[in-house]
């Protein structure tokens, strides 16, 4: 869309907004239905069974399972029984259960932290300044940024006074997302 280098009045008309009054409640509803909320889609949650099975991908766990099979085979062949194999498999299964439980607790803690640190922003809607959650911004909202505010979405700056941006936070977040993407794509 390249809004960064286009005339403000043309953008205002194209996005069906008003720089002075912002969007109307009706327009906000229409745009939210069309574009959805202003959030990055998180990765899809895995079921308990998938998480449990993923615990067995670790190299050492695979070695222990192979050791249990070999131990059971030798135990049966020598007439000594499969007690060692059962003990190894119980340890492996308990390890997997503990891993899944810890992972679930960590995910819940992370979700709680994200809810606690939900960013808010100021927008002009129906001619009034309103404070809303950043996820509720829609295309065409007129956002007001003050000193120390987070930039809540991709924005086209209309007017600035002594604008300074700390890009390191942005760069760090992009690197973090890239690492997460690489880890998830394996």
N, C-alpha and C. Protein backbone atom coordinates (compact mmCIF):
# COMPACT_ATOMS: atom_id res chain seq x y z
N UNK A 1 0.82 -1.20 0.00
CA UNK A 1 0.00 0.00 0.00
C UNK A 1 0.86 1.26 0.00
N UNK A 2 2.09 1.19 0.53
CA UNK A 2 3.03 2.31 0.52
C UNK A 2 2.43 3.63 0.99
N UNK A 3 1.76 3.62 2.14
CA UNK A 3 1.16 4.84 2.67
C UNK A 3 2.21 5.85 3.11
N UNK A 4 3.42 5.38 3.39
CA UNK A 4 4.46 6.25 3.93
C UNK A 4 4.84 7.38 3.00
N UNK A 5 4.65 7.21 1.69
CA UNK A 5 5.08 8.25 0.76
C UNK A 5 3.92 8.86 -0.02
N UNK A 6 2.71 8.68 0.46
CA UNK A 6 1.54 9.21 -0.25
C UNK A 6 0.95 10.40 0.49
N UNK A 7 0.20 11.19 -0.21
CA UNK A 7 -0.43 12.38 0.33
C UNK A 7 -1.45 12.01 1.41
N UNK A 8 -1.42 12.74 2.52
CA UNK A 8 -2.30 12.47 3.66
C UNK A 8 -3.77 12.55 3.25
N UNK A 9 -4.15 13.53 2.47
CA UNK A 9 -5.56 13.70 2.10
C UNK A 9 -6.06 12.53 1.25
N UNK A 10 -5.19 12.02 0.38
CA UNK A 10 -5.57 10.86 -0.43
C UNK A 10 -5.74 9.62 0.46
N UNK A 11 -4.84 9.46 1.43
CA UNK A 11 -4.93 8.32 2.35
C UNK A 11 -6.21 8.43 3.18
N UNK A 12 -6.50 9.64 3.65
CA UNK A 12 -7.70 9.88 4.45
C UNK A 12 -8.95 9.45 3.68
N UNK A 13 -9.00 9.82 2.41
CA UNK A 13 -10.16 9.47 1.58
C UNK A 13 -10.19 7.96 1.31
N UNK A 14 -9.05 7.39 1.00
CA UNK A 14 -8.97 5.96 0.68
C UNK A 14 -9.36 5.08 1.86
N UNK A 15 -8.96 5.49 3.06
CA UNK A 15 -9.26 4.70 4.25
C UNK A 15 -10.60 5.06 4.88
N UNK A 16 -11.30 6.00 4.26
CA UNK A 16 -12.62 6.40 4.72
C UNK A 16 -12.58 6.82 6.19
N UNK A 17 -11.65 7.72 6.49
CA UNK A 17 -11.50 8.22 7.86
C UNK A 17 -11.51 9.74 7.83
N UNK A 18 -11.39 10.35 9.01
CA UNK A 18 -11.35 11.79 9.12
C UNK A 18 -10.24 12.13 10.11
N UNK A 19 -9.26 12.91 9.67
CA UNK A 19 -8.11 13.21 10.52
C UNK A 19 -8.51 13.97 11.77
N UNK A 20 -9.51 14.82 11.68
CA UNK A 20 -9.94 15.62 12.83
C UNK A 20 -10.87 14.84 13.77
N UNK A 21 -11.79 14.05 13.22
CA UNK A 21 -12.81 13.37 14.04
C UNK A 21 -12.55 11.88 14.21
N UNK A 22 -11.64 11.33 13.42
CA UNK A 22 -11.38 9.89 13.51
C UNK A 22 -12.49 9.08 12.87
N UNK A 23 -12.57 7.83 13.25
CA UNK A 23 -13.59 6.94 12.72
C UNK A 23 -14.85 7.00 13.57
N UNK A 24 -15.97 6.68 12.94
CA UNK A 24 -17.22 6.55 13.70
C UNK A 24 -17.31 5.13 14.25
N UNK A 25 -18.15 4.93 15.23
CA UNK A 25 -18.32 3.60 15.81
C UNK A 25 -18.76 2.59 14.74
N UNK A 26 -19.58 3.05 13.83
CA UNK A 26 -20.06 2.18 12.75
C UNK A 26 -18.91 1.74 11.85
N UNK A 27 -18.04 2.69 11.49
CA UNK A 27 -16.87 2.37 10.66
C UNK A 27 -15.93 1.40 11.37
N UNK A 28 -15.74 1.61 12.67
CA UNK A 28 -14.88 0.72 13.45
C UNK A 28 -15.41 -0.70 13.39
N UNK A 29 -16.71 -0.87 13.56
CA UNK A 29 -17.32 -2.20 13.51
C UNK A 29 -17.13 -2.85 12.15
N UNK A 30 -17.34 -2.08 11.09
CA UNK A 30 -17.17 -2.61 9.73
C UNK A 30 -15.73 -3.06 9.50
N UNK A 31 -14.78 -2.20 9.89
CA UNK A 31 -13.38 -2.51 9.64
C UNK A 31 -12.89 -3.67 10.50
N UNK A 32 -13.40 -3.77 11.73
CA UNK A 32 -13.00 -4.90 12.57
C UNK A 32 -13.52 -6.21 11.96
N UNK A 33 -14.74 -6.17 11.41
CA UNK A 33 -15.29 -7.36 10.76
C UNK A 33 -14.47 -7.72 9.52
N UNK A 34 -13.99 -6.72 8.81
CA UNK A 34 -13.23 -6.96 7.58
C UNK A 34 -11.80 -7.40 7.86
N UNK A 35 -11.11 -6.71 8.79
CA UNK A 35 -9.69 -6.95 9.00
C UNK A 35 -9.35 -7.74 10.26
N UNK A 36 -10.27 -7.84 11.20
CA UNK A 36 -10.00 -8.55 12.45
C UNK A 36 -9.28 -7.65 13.44
N UNK A 37 -8.76 -8.26 14.49
CA UNK A 37 -8.09 -7.49 15.55
C UNK A 37 -6.62 -7.27 15.20
N UNK A 38 -6.02 -6.30 15.86
CA UNK A 38 -4.63 -5.91 15.64
C UNK A 38 -3.72 -6.76 16.52
N UNK A 39 -3.61 -8.04 16.20
CA UNK A 39 -2.75 -8.93 16.96
C UNK A 39 -2.00 -9.85 16.00
N UNK A 40 -0.79 -10.17 16.42
CA UNK A 40 -0.02 -11.16 15.67
C UNK A 40 -0.58 -12.52 16.05
N UNK A 41 -0.86 -13.33 15.07
CA UNK A 41 -1.39 -14.65 15.36
C UNK A 41 -0.33 -15.50 16.03
N UNK A 42 -0.69 -16.04 17.17
CA UNK A 42 0.22 -16.92 17.89
C UNK A 42 0.20 -18.30 17.26
N UNK A 43 1.17 -19.10 17.66
CA UNK A 43 1.19 -20.44 17.12
C UNK A 43 0.02 -21.23 17.69
N UNK A 44 -0.48 -22.16 16.90
CA UNK A 44 -1.62 -22.96 17.30
C UNK A 44 -1.22 -23.85 18.47
N UNK A 45 -2.11 -23.94 19.45
CA UNK A 45 -1.81 -24.75 20.62
C UNK A 45 -1.89 -26.22 20.27
N UNK A 46 -0.97 -26.97 20.83
CA UNK A 46 -0.93 -28.40 20.59
C UNK A 46 -1.74 -29.12 21.65
N UNK A 47 -2.30 -30.25 21.27
CA UNK A 47 -3.07 -31.04 22.23
C UNK A 47 -2.10 -31.72 23.21
N UNK A 48 -2.65 -32.21 24.30
CA UNK A 48 -1.85 -32.88 25.33
C UNK A 48 -1.11 -34.07 24.73
N UNK A 49 -1.78 -34.83 23.87
CA UNK A 49 -1.17 -36.03 23.29
C UNK A 49 0.03 -35.66 22.41
N UNK A 50 -0.12 -34.60 21.59
CA UNK A 50 0.98 -34.17 20.72
C UNK A 50 2.16 -33.70 21.57
N UNK A 51 1.87 -32.92 22.62
CA UNK A 51 2.95 -32.47 23.51
C UNK A 51 3.64 -33.67 24.15
N UNK A 52 2.85 -34.64 24.57
CA UNK A 52 3.40 -35.84 25.21
C UNK A 52 4.31 -36.59 24.24
N UNK A 53 3.85 -36.79 23.01
CA UNK A 53 4.65 -37.50 22.01
C UNK A 53 5.91 -36.72 21.64
N UNK A 54 5.83 -35.39 21.64
CA UNK A 54 7.01 -34.58 21.33
C UNK A 54 8.11 -34.74 22.38
N UNK A 55 7.74 -35.15 23.57
CA UNK A 55 8.74 -35.37 24.63
C UNK A 55 9.68 -36.53 24.27
N UNK A 56 9.25 -37.40 23.38
CA UNK A 56 10.05 -38.57 23.01
C UNK A 56 10.99 -38.31 21.83
N UNK A 57 11.08 -37.06 21.38
CA UNK A 57 11.96 -36.71 20.26
C UNK A 57 13.41 -36.49 20.69
N UNK A 58 13.63 -36.30 21.96
CA UNK A 58 14.96 -36.03 22.48
C UNK A 58 15.87 -37.24 22.26
N UNK A 59 17.11 -36.97 21.88
CA UNK A 59 18.06 -38.05 21.56
C UNK A 59 18.26 -38.99 22.75
N UNK A 60 18.42 -38.46 23.96
CA UNK A 60 18.66 -39.30 25.14
C UNK A 60 17.45 -40.18 25.46
N UNK A 61 16.26 -39.66 25.21
CA UNK A 61 15.04 -40.45 25.46
C UNK A 61 15.00 -41.61 24.46
N UNK A 62 15.35 -41.34 23.22
CA UNK A 62 15.37 -42.40 22.21
C UNK A 62 16.39 -43.47 22.60
N UNK A 63 17.55 -43.04 23.09
CA UNK A 63 18.58 -43.99 23.55
C UNK A 63 18.04 -44.85 24.69
N UNK A 64 17.33 -44.23 25.62
CA UNK A 64 16.77 -44.98 26.75
C UNK A 64 15.70 -45.98 26.29
N UNK A 65 14.90 -45.60 25.33
CA UNK A 65 13.88 -46.53 24.81
C UNK A 65 14.56 -47.71 24.12
N UNK A 66 15.59 -47.43 23.33
CA UNK A 66 16.33 -48.51 22.67
C UNK A 66 16.98 -49.40 23.72
N UNK A 67 17.53 -48.79 24.77
CA UNK A 67 18.15 -49.58 25.86
C UNK A 67 17.10 -50.46 26.53
N UNK A 68 15.89 -49.95 26.72
CA UNK A 68 14.83 -50.76 27.33
C UNK A 68 14.47 -51.94 26.44
N UNK A 69 14.40 -51.72 25.14
CA UNK A 69 14.07 -52.80 24.20
C UNK A 69 15.17 -53.86 24.21
N UNK A 70 16.43 -53.40 24.12
CA UNK A 70 17.56 -54.34 24.13
C UNK A 70 17.59 -55.09 25.46
N UNK A 71 17.41 -54.39 26.56
CA UNK A 71 17.43 -55.02 27.88
C UNK A 71 16.31 -56.06 28.00
N UNK A 72 15.13 -55.72 27.47
CA UNK A 72 14.01 -56.67 27.51
C UNK A 72 14.30 -57.90 26.66
N UNK A 73 14.86 -57.69 25.50
CA UNK A 73 15.18 -58.82 24.61
C UNK A 73 16.19 -59.75 25.27
N UNK A 74 17.24 -59.15 25.81
CA UNK A 74 18.28 -59.96 26.47
C UNK A 74 17.71 -60.64 27.71
N UNK A 75 16.90 -59.92 28.47
CA UNK A 75 16.29 -60.49 29.68
C UNK A 75 15.42 -61.69 29.37
N UNK A 76 14.63 -61.61 28.30
CA UNK A 76 13.77 -62.72 27.90
C UNK A 76 14.62 -63.88 27.39
N UNK A 77 15.63 -63.55 26.60
CA UNK A 77 16.50 -64.58 26.01
C UNK A 77 17.30 -65.33 27.09
N UNK A 78 17.73 -64.61 28.11
CA UNK A 78 18.53 -65.22 29.18
C UNK A 78 17.66 -65.78 30.30
N UNK A 79 16.34 -65.51 30.22
CA UNK A 79 15.43 -66.02 31.24
C UNK A 79 15.44 -65.21 32.53
N UNK A 80 15.92 -63.96 32.47
CA UNK A 80 16.00 -63.12 33.68
C UNK A 80 14.79 -62.19 33.83
N UNK A 81 13.93 -62.10 32.85
CA UNK A 81 12.74 -61.25 32.93
C UNK A 81 12.99 -59.87 32.34
N UNK A 82 11.95 -59.05 32.43
CA UNK A 82 12.01 -57.72 31.81
C UNK A 82 11.88 -56.59 32.83
N UNK A 83 12.25 -56.84 34.06
CA UNK A 83 12.14 -55.83 35.12
C UNK A 83 12.93 -54.57 34.78
N UNK A 84 14.13 -54.72 34.30
CA UNK A 84 14.96 -53.56 33.94
C UNK A 84 14.28 -52.72 32.85
N UNK A 85 13.72 -53.39 31.87
CA UNK A 85 13.05 -52.69 30.76
C UNK A 85 11.85 -51.91 31.28
N UNK A 86 11.08 -52.52 32.16
CA UNK A 86 9.90 -51.85 32.70
C UNK A 86 10.31 -50.62 33.50
N UNK A 87 11.36 -50.73 34.30
CA UNK A 87 11.83 -49.59 35.10
C UNK A 87 12.28 -48.44 34.18
N UNK A 88 13.03 -48.77 33.14
CA UNK A 88 13.50 -47.74 32.19
C UNK A 88 12.30 -47.06 31.52
N UNK A 89 11.31 -47.84 31.08
CA UNK A 89 10.14 -47.26 30.41
C UNK A 89 9.31 -46.41 31.37
N UNK A 90 9.20 -46.82 32.64
CA UNK A 90 8.47 -46.01 33.62
C UNK A 90 9.18 -44.67 33.82
N UNK A 91 10.49 -44.69 33.91
CA UNK A 91 11.25 -43.44 34.06
C UNK A 91 11.05 -42.54 32.84
N UNK A 92 11.08 -43.10 31.64
CA UNK A 92 10.90 -42.33 30.41
C UNK A 92 9.50 -41.71 30.36
N UNK A 93 8.48 -42.49 30.71
CA UNK A 93 7.10 -41.99 30.68
C UNK A 93 6.89 -40.92 31.74
N UNK A 94 7.43 -41.12 32.94
CA UNK A 94 7.31 -40.11 34.00
C UNK A 94 8.01 -38.81 33.58
N UNK A 95 9.15 -38.93 32.94
CA UNK A 95 9.87 -37.76 32.43
C UNK A 95 9.01 -37.00 31.42
N UNK A 96 8.35 -37.73 30.53
CA UNK A 96 7.49 -37.10 29.52
C UNK A 96 6.31 -36.40 30.18
N UNK A 97 5.70 -37.03 31.17
CA UNK A 97 4.55 -36.41 31.85
C UNK A 97 4.99 -35.14 32.57
N UNK A 98 6.10 -35.20 33.28
CA UNK A 98 6.60 -34.02 33.99
C UNK A 98 6.93 -32.90 32.99
N UNK A 99 7.53 -33.25 31.86
CA UNK A 99 7.86 -32.25 30.83
C UNK A 99 6.62 -31.56 30.29
N UNK A 100 5.56 -32.33 30.03
CA UNK A 100 4.33 -31.74 29.49
C UNK A 100 3.68 -30.83 30.54
N UNK A 101 3.65 -31.27 31.78
CA UNK A 101 3.05 -30.46 32.84
C UNK A 101 3.81 -29.14 33.00
N UNK A 102 5.14 -29.21 33.01
CA UNK A 102 5.94 -27.98 33.15
C UNK A 102 5.73 -27.05 31.96
N UNK A 103 5.67 -27.61 30.77
CA UNK A 103 5.46 -26.79 29.57
C UNK A 103 4.10 -26.11 29.62
N UNK A 104 3.08 -26.82 30.06
CA UNK A 104 1.73 -26.24 30.16
C UNK A 104 1.70 -25.11 31.18
N UNK A 105 2.36 -25.30 32.32
CA UNK A 105 2.42 -24.25 33.33
C UNK A 105 3.15 -23.02 32.80
N UNK A 106 4.23 -23.24 32.07
CA UNK A 106 4.99 -22.12 31.50
C UNK A 106 4.14 -21.35 30.49
N UNK A 107 3.38 -22.06 29.66
CA UNK A 107 2.52 -21.41 28.68
C UNK A 107 1.45 -20.57 29.37
N UNK A 108 0.85 -21.10 30.43
CA UNK A 108 -0.18 -20.36 31.16
C UNK A 108 0.41 -19.11 31.81
N UNK A 109 1.62 -19.23 32.35
CA UNK A 109 2.27 -18.07 32.97
C UNK A 109 2.56 -17.00 31.92
N UNK A 110 3.02 -17.42 30.75
CA UNK A 110 3.32 -16.48 29.68
C UNK A 110 2.05 -15.77 29.21
N UNK A 111 0.96 -16.51 29.07
CA UNK A 111 -0.31 -15.90 28.67
C UNK A 111 -0.78 -14.89 29.70
N UNK A 112 -0.62 -15.22 30.98
CA UNK A 112 -1.02 -14.29 32.04
C UNK A 112 -0.18 -13.02 31.99
N UNK A 113 1.12 -13.16 31.75
CA UNK A 113 1.99 -11.98 31.64
C UNK A 113 1.60 -11.11 30.45
N UNK A 114 1.27 -11.75 29.33
CA UNK A 114 0.87 -10.99 28.15
C UNK A 114 -0.42 -10.22 28.40
N UNK A 115 -1.35 -10.82 29.13
CA UNK A 115 -2.60 -10.12 29.44
C UNK A 115 -2.35 -8.94 30.37
N UNK A 116 -1.43 -9.14 31.32
CA UNK A 116 -1.12 -8.06 32.27
C UNK A 116 -0.44 -6.89 31.58
N UNK A 117 0.36 -7.15 30.56
CA UNK A 117 1.10 -6.08 29.91
C UNK A 117 0.46 -5.65 28.60
N UNK A 118 -0.85 -5.83 28.48
CA UNK A 118 -1.53 -5.41 27.25
C UNK A 118 -1.40 -3.89 27.11
N UNK A 119 -0.92 -3.45 25.98
CA UNK A 119 -0.68 -2.03 25.74
C UNK A 119 -1.98 -1.33 25.38
N UNK A 120 -2.07 -0.10 25.82
CA UNK A 120 -3.22 0.74 25.46
C UNK A 120 -2.70 1.90 24.63
N UNK A 121 -3.59 2.51 23.89
CA UNK A 121 -3.21 3.64 23.06
C UNK A 121 -4.37 4.62 22.97
N UNK A 122 -4.06 5.82 22.51
CA UNK A 122 -5.09 6.85 22.35
C UNK A 122 -5.44 6.98 20.87
N UNK A 123 -6.73 7.00 20.60
CA UNK A 123 -7.21 7.20 19.24
C UNK A 123 -8.31 8.25 19.25
N UNK A 124 -8.56 8.80 18.08
CA UNK A 124 -9.69 9.72 17.94
C UNK A 124 -10.81 8.93 17.28
N UNK A 125 -11.93 8.84 17.98
CA UNK A 125 -13.13 8.17 17.45
C UNK A 125 -14.34 9.02 17.78
N UNK A 126 -15.21 9.16 16.81
CA UNK A 126 -16.43 9.97 16.98
C UNK A 126 -16.09 11.39 17.47
N UNK A 127 -14.92 11.90 17.08
CA UNK A 127 -14.53 13.25 17.44
C UNK A 127 -13.94 13.39 18.83
N UNK A 128 -13.82 12.28 19.57
CA UNK A 128 -13.29 12.32 20.95
C UNK A 128 -12.05 11.45 21.06
N UNK A 129 -11.17 11.84 21.97
CA UNK A 129 -9.99 11.03 22.24
C UNK A 129 -10.41 9.90 23.18
N UNK A 130 -10.10 8.69 22.80
CA UNK A 130 -10.44 7.52 23.61
C UNK A 130 -9.19 6.70 23.86
N UNK A 131 -9.12 6.06 25.01
CA UNK A 131 -8.03 5.15 25.31
C UNK A 131 -8.58 3.73 25.11
N UNK A 132 -7.91 3.00 24.22
CA UNK A 132 -8.35 1.63 23.90
C UNK A 132 -7.16 0.70 23.97
N UNK A 133 -7.43 -0.59 24.01
CA UNK A 133 -6.35 -1.57 23.92
C UNK A 133 -5.80 -1.55 22.51
N UNK A 134 -4.50 -1.75 22.39
CA UNK A 134 -3.84 -1.71 21.08
C UNK A 134 -4.44 -2.74 20.12
N UNK A 135 -4.93 -3.85 20.64
CA UNK A 135 -5.50 -4.87 19.76
C UNK A 135 -6.80 -4.41 19.11
N UNK A 136 -7.41 -3.35 19.65
CA UNK A 136 -8.69 -2.87 19.12
C UNK A 136 -8.53 -1.79 18.05
N UNK A 137 -7.30 -1.46 17.68
CA UNK A 137 -7.07 -0.50 16.60
C UNK A 137 -7.50 -1.13 15.28
N UNK A 138 -8.10 -0.32 14.42
CA UNK A 138 -8.48 -0.80 13.09
C UNK A 138 -7.85 0.10 12.03
N UNK A 139 -7.85 -0.36 10.80
CA UNK A 139 -7.31 0.40 9.69
C UNK A 139 -8.09 1.71 9.57
N UNK A 140 -7.38 2.82 9.57
CA UNK A 140 -8.01 4.13 9.45
C UNK A 140 -8.13 4.87 10.77
N UNK A 141 -7.81 4.22 11.89
CA UNK A 141 -7.83 4.92 13.18
C UNK A 141 -6.79 6.02 13.18
N UNK A 142 -7.12 7.14 13.79
CA UNK A 142 -6.17 8.22 13.99
C UNK A 142 -5.60 8.04 15.39
N UNK A 143 -4.32 7.69 15.47
CA UNK A 143 -3.65 7.37 16.74
C UNK A 143 -2.86 8.59 17.21
N UNK A 144 -2.93 8.84 18.51
CA UNK A 144 -2.17 9.94 19.11
C UNK A 144 -1.07 9.32 19.95
N UNK A 145 0.17 9.67 19.64
CA UNK A 145 1.33 9.17 20.39
C UNK A 145 1.92 10.28 21.24
N UNK A 146 2.22 9.96 22.49
CA UNK A 146 2.89 10.89 23.39
C UNK A 146 4.24 10.30 23.78
N UNK A 147 5.03 11.08 24.47
CA UNK A 147 6.36 10.64 24.92
C UNK A 147 6.24 9.33 25.70
N UNK A 148 7.06 8.36 25.31
CA UNK A 148 7.10 7.08 26.01
C UNK A 148 6.09 6.06 25.53
N UNK A 149 5.18 6.44 24.63
CA UNK A 149 4.17 5.49 24.14
C UNK A 149 4.79 4.47 23.21
N UNK A 150 4.23 3.28 23.22
CA UNK A 150 4.59 2.26 22.25
C UNK A 150 3.82 2.54 20.97
N UNK A 151 4.44 2.28 19.85
CA UNK A 151 3.74 2.41 18.57
C UNK A 151 2.91 1.14 18.42
N UNK A 152 1.58 1.26 18.44
CA UNK A 152 0.72 0.08 18.55
C UNK A 152 0.47 -0.68 17.25
N UNK A 153 0.84 -0.12 16.12
CA UNK A 153 0.58 -0.77 14.83
C UNK A 153 1.38 -0.04 13.76
N UNK A 154 1.28 -0.51 12.52
CA UNK A 154 1.88 0.23 11.42
C UNK A 154 1.11 1.54 11.28
N UNK A 155 1.82 2.65 11.30
CA UNK A 155 1.17 3.95 11.27
C UNK A 155 1.76 4.83 10.18
N UNK A 156 0.96 5.75 9.69
CA UNK A 156 1.41 6.82 8.80
C UNK A 156 1.40 8.08 9.64
N UNK A 157 2.57 8.67 9.86
CA UNK A 157 2.65 9.87 10.69
C UNK A 157 2.06 11.06 9.94
N UNK A 158 1.20 11.78 10.63
CA UNK A 158 0.56 12.95 10.03
C UNK A 158 1.29 14.21 10.47
N UNK A 159 1.58 14.28 11.77
CA UNK A 159 2.24 15.45 12.32
C UNK A 159 3.15 15.00 13.46
N UNK A 160 4.37 15.54 13.50
CA UNK A 160 5.30 15.19 14.57
C UNK A 160 5.98 16.45 15.10
N UNK A 161 6.38 16.37 16.37
CA UNK A 161 7.17 17.43 16.99
C UNK A 161 8.27 16.74 17.77
N UNK A 162 9.53 16.96 17.42
CA UNK A 162 10.67 16.36 18.09
C UNK A 162 10.54 14.84 18.20
N UNK A 163 10.23 14.19 17.14
CA UNK A 163 10.04 12.73 17.15
C UNK A 163 11.37 12.01 17.28
N UNK A 164 11.44 11.10 18.23
CA UNK A 164 12.59 10.22 18.40
C UNK A 164 12.05 8.82 18.60
N UNK A 165 12.70 7.86 17.97
CA UNK A 165 12.26 6.47 18.06
C UNK A 165 13.41 5.61 18.52
N UNK A 166 13.16 4.77 19.50
CA UNK A 166 14.17 3.82 19.96
C UNK A 166 13.98 2.54 19.16
N UNK A 167 14.81 2.37 18.16
CA UNK A 167 14.66 1.24 17.25
C UNK A 167 15.19 -0.06 17.83
N UNK A 168 16.01 0.01 18.87
CA UNK A 168 16.59 -1.23 19.41
C UNK A 168 15.51 -2.17 19.92
N UNK A 169 14.46 -1.63 20.52
CA UNK A 169 13.36 -2.48 21.00
C UNK A 169 12.70 -3.18 19.82
N UNK A 170 12.52 -2.47 18.74
CA UNK A 170 11.92 -3.05 17.54
C UNK A 170 12.82 -4.13 16.97
N UNK A 171 14.10 -3.84 16.86
CA UNK A 171 15.05 -4.81 16.31
C UNK A 171 15.10 -6.06 17.18
N UNK A 172 15.12 -5.89 18.49
CA UNK A 172 15.16 -7.03 19.41
C UNK A 172 13.93 -7.91 19.21
N UNK A 173 12.78 -7.28 19.08
CA UNK A 173 11.53 -8.04 18.92
C UNK A 173 11.52 -8.79 17.60
N UNK A 174 12.02 -8.17 16.54
CA UNK A 174 12.07 -8.84 15.24
C UNK A 174 13.00 -10.04 15.31
N UNK A 175 14.18 -9.87 15.92
CA UNK A 175 15.11 -10.99 16.05
C UNK A 175 14.47 -12.12 16.85
N UNK A 176 13.78 -11.78 17.94
CA UNK A 176 13.13 -12.78 18.77
C UNK A 176 12.08 -13.54 17.97
N UNK A 177 11.28 -12.83 17.18
CA UNK A 177 10.26 -13.48 16.36
C UNK A 177 10.88 -14.37 15.30
N UNK A 178 12.02 -13.94 14.74
CA UNK A 178 12.70 -14.77 13.75
C UNK A 178 13.21 -16.06 14.37
N UNK A 179 13.79 -15.98 15.57
CA UNK A 179 14.26 -17.18 16.25
C UNK A 179 13.10 -18.12 16.51
N UNK A 180 11.97 -17.57 16.98
CA UNK A 180 10.80 -18.40 17.27
C UNK A 180 10.30 -19.05 15.99
N UNK A 181 10.29 -18.28 14.88
CA UNK A 181 9.85 -18.84 13.61
C UNK A 181 10.76 -19.98 13.17
N UNK A 182 12.09 -19.75 13.28
CA UNK A 182 13.02 -20.81 12.89
C UNK A 182 12.83 -22.05 13.73
N UNK A 183 12.64 -21.87 15.04
CA UNK A 183 12.46 -23.02 15.93
C UNK A 183 11.18 -23.77 15.61
N UNK A 184 10.11 -23.04 15.24
CA UNK A 184 8.83 -23.68 14.94
C UNK A 184 8.81 -24.33 13.56
N UNK A 185 9.67 -23.90 12.67
CA UNK A 185 9.64 -24.41 11.30
C UNK A 185 10.48 -25.68 11.13
N UNK A 186 11.14 -26.10 12.20
CA UNK A 186 11.97 -27.32 12.09
C UNK A 186 11.12 -28.55 12.18
